[in-house]
Amino acid sequence: MICAASPATGRTVATGLAILTCAAASTLALRGLSLRSSSFVHVHNDVQPTPVQIHSDIHVPQPRVERVEINGPDLRSVD
């Protein structure tokens, strides 16, 4: 559009300026040009951590073994 709208004697210069302008705009956009405000919000939570207490109780019954002697000592479980 720039080339078509420019006079015949200045088309090369107009096209070059358009390319340089697009390159500059792209460079600024890719570098992360930002219009955001530079404010910092700090939130302080005054909450104390709750202590964790773990109670592990494992109850394992004692094995019951009955001794039976048949042709020598032999152990047999009751269960």
C-alpha atoms as a PDB file:
ATOM      1  CA  MET A   1       0.000   0.000   0.000  1.00  0.00           C
ATOM      2  CA  ILE A   2       2.862   2.330   0.772  1.00  0.00           C
ATOM      3  CA  CYS A   3       4.504   1.619  -2.543  1.00  0.00           C
ATOM      4  CA  ALA A   4       1.246   2.110  -4.480  1.00  0.00           C
ATOM      5  CA  ALA A   5       0.308   5.329  -2.658  1.00  0.00           C
ATOM      6  CA  SER A   6       3.727   6.949  -3.011  1.00  0.00           C
ATOM      7  CA  PRO A   7       4.770   9.030  -6.019  1.00  0.00           C
ATOM      8  CA  ALA A   8       6.933   7.163  -8.522  1.00  0.00           C
ATOM      9  CA  THR A   9      10.110   9.020  -7.620  1.00  0.00           C
ATOM     10  CA  GLY A  10       9.889   8.265  -3.844  1.00  0.00           C
ATOM     11  CA  ARG A  11       8.586   4.697  -3.770  1.00  0.00           C
ATOM     12  CA  THR A  12      11.937   3.176  -2.858  1.00  0.00           C
ATOM     13  CA  VAL A  13      12.464   5.611   0.021  1.00  0.00           C
ATOM     14  CA  ALA A  14       8.872   5.205   1.303  1.00  0.00           C
ATOM     15  CA  THR A  15       9.146   1.419   1.225  1.00  0.00           C
ATOM     16  CA  GLY A  16      12.471   1.518   3.085  1.00  0.00           C
ATOM     17  CA  LEU A  17      11.060   3.802   5.779  1.00  0.00           C
ATOM     18  CA  ALA A  18       8.045   1.525   6.182  1.00  0.00           C
ATOM     19  CA  ILE A  19      10.295  -1.517   6.622  1.00  0.00           C
ATOM     20  CA  LEU A  20      12.455   0.307   9.188  1.00  0.00           C
ATOM     21  CA  THR A  21       9.351   1.430  11.104  1.00  0.00           C
ATOM     22  CA  CYS A  22       7.937  -2.111  11.181  1.00  0.00           C
ATOM     23  CA  ALA A  23      11.300  -3.486  12.332  1.00  0.00           C
ATOM     24  CA  ALA A  24      11.542  -0.924  15.142  1.00  0.00           C
ATOM     25  CA  ALA A  25       7.979  -1.627  16.293  1.00  0.00           C
ATOM     26  CA  SER A  26       8.585  -5.373  16.230  1.00  0.00           C
ATOM     27  CA  THR A  27      11.826  -5.006  18.181  1.00  0.00           C
ATOM     28  CA  LEU A  28      10.094  -3.006  20.911  1.00  0.00           C
ATOM     29  CA  ALA A  29       7.221  -5.497  21.065  1.00  0.00           C
ATOM     30  CA  LEU A  30       9.532  -8.505  21.257  1.00  0.00           C
ATOM     31  CA  ARG A  31      11.658  -6.916  23.989  1.00  0.00           C
ATOM     32  CA  GLY A  32       8.585  -6.800  26.213  1.00  0.00           C
ATOM     33  CA  LEU A  33       7.642  -3.133  26.104  1.00  0.00           C
ATOM     34  CA  SER A  34       5.109  -2.833  28.854  1.00  0.00           C
ATOM     35  CA  LEU A  35       2.811  -0.025  29.885  1.00  0.00           C
ATOM     36  CA  ARG A  36       1.921  -1.706  33.166  1.00  0.00           C
ATOM     37  CA  SER A  37       2.432   0.178  36.392  1.00  0.00           C
ATOM     38  CA  SER A  38       5.334  -0.873  38.573  1.00  0.00           C
ATOM     39  CA  SER A  39       3.470  -1.340  41.852  1.00  0.00           C
ATOM     40  CA  PHE A  40       4.235  -4.009  44.427  1.00  0.00           C
ATOM     41  CA  VAL A  41       1.604  -5.414  46.770  1.00  0.00           C
ATOM     42  CA  HIS A  42       2.785  -7.280  49.856  1.00  0.00           C
ATOM     43  CA  VAL A  43       0.290  -9.383  51.792  1.00  0.00           C
ATOM     44  CA  HIS A  44       1.299 -10.433  55.287  1.00  0.00           C
ATOM     45  CA  ASN A  45      -0.572 -13.398  56.730  1.00  0.00           C
ATOM     46  CA  ASP A  46      -0.175 -13.645  60.491  1.00  0.00           C
ATOM     47  CA  VAL A  47      -1.205 -17.296  60.757  1.00  0.00           C
ATOM     48  CA  GLN A  48       0.740 -19.617  63.012  1.00  0.00           C
ATOM     49  CA  PRO A  49       1.275 -23.165  61.754  1.00  0.00           C
ATOM     50  CA  THR A  50      -0.547 -25.900  63.622  1.00  0.00           C
ATOM     51  CA  PRO A  51       1.807 -28.543  65.060  1.00  0.00           C
ATOM     52  CA  VAL A  52       1.196 -32.014  63.685  1.00  0.00           C
ATOM     53  CA  GLN A  53       1.193 -34.917  66.095  1.00  0.00           C
ATOM     54  CA  ILE A  54       1.277 -38.471  64.800  1.00  0.00           C
ATOM     55  CA  HIS A  55       0.435 -41.369  67.071  1.00  0.00           C
ATOM     56  CA  SER A  56       1.100 -44.734  65.527  1.00  0.00           C
ATOM     57  CA  ASP A  57      -0.079 -47.759  67.482  1.00  0.00           C
ATOM     58  CA  ILE A  58       0.292 -51.123  65.805  1.00  0.00           C
ATOM     59  CA  HIS A  59      -1.166 -54.067  67.644  1.00  0.00           C
ATOM     60  CA  VAL A  60       0.037 -57.461  66.467  1.00  0.00           C
ATOM     61  CA  PRO A  61      -1.207 -60.517  68.362  1.00  0.00           C
ATOM     62  CA  GLN A  62       1.356 -62.995  69.558  1.00  0.00           C
ATOM     63  CA  PRO A  63       1.409 -66.209  67.508  1.00  0.00           C
ATOM     64  CA  ARG A  64      -0.026 -69.230  69.290  1.00  0.00           C
ATOM     65  CA  VAL A  65       1.973 -72.361  68.680  1.00  0.00           C
ATOM     66  CA  GLU A  66       1.037 -75.760  70.016  1.00  0.00           C
ATOM     67  CA  ARG A  67       3.733 -78.374  70.380  1.00  0.00           C
ATOM     68  CA  VAL A  68       2.859 -81.831  69.197  1.00  0.00           C
ATOM     69  CA  GLU A  69       5.359 -84.650  69.444  1.00  0.00           C
ATOM     70  CA  ILE A  70       4.771 -87.457  66.986  1.00  0.00           C
ATOM     71  CA  ASN A  71       7.901 -89.328  66.065  1.00  0.00           C
ATOM     72  CA  GLY A  72      10.006 -86.419  67.322  1.00  0.00           C
ATOM     73  CA  PRO A  73       9.496 -82.737  67.990  1.00  0.00           C
ATOM     74  CA  ASP A  74       7.122 -80.981  65.554  1.00  0.00           C
ATOM     75  CA  LEU A  75       5.545 -77.525  65.725  1.00  0.00           C
ATOM     76  CA  ARG A  76       2.059 -76.859  64.427  1.00  0.00           C
ATOM     77  CA  SER A  77       0.133 -73.570  64.380  1.00  0.00           C
ATOM     78  CA  VAL A  78      -3.280 -73.406  66.026  1.00  0.00           C
ATOM     79  CA  ASP A  79      -4.648 -70.968  63.427  1.00  0.00           C
END
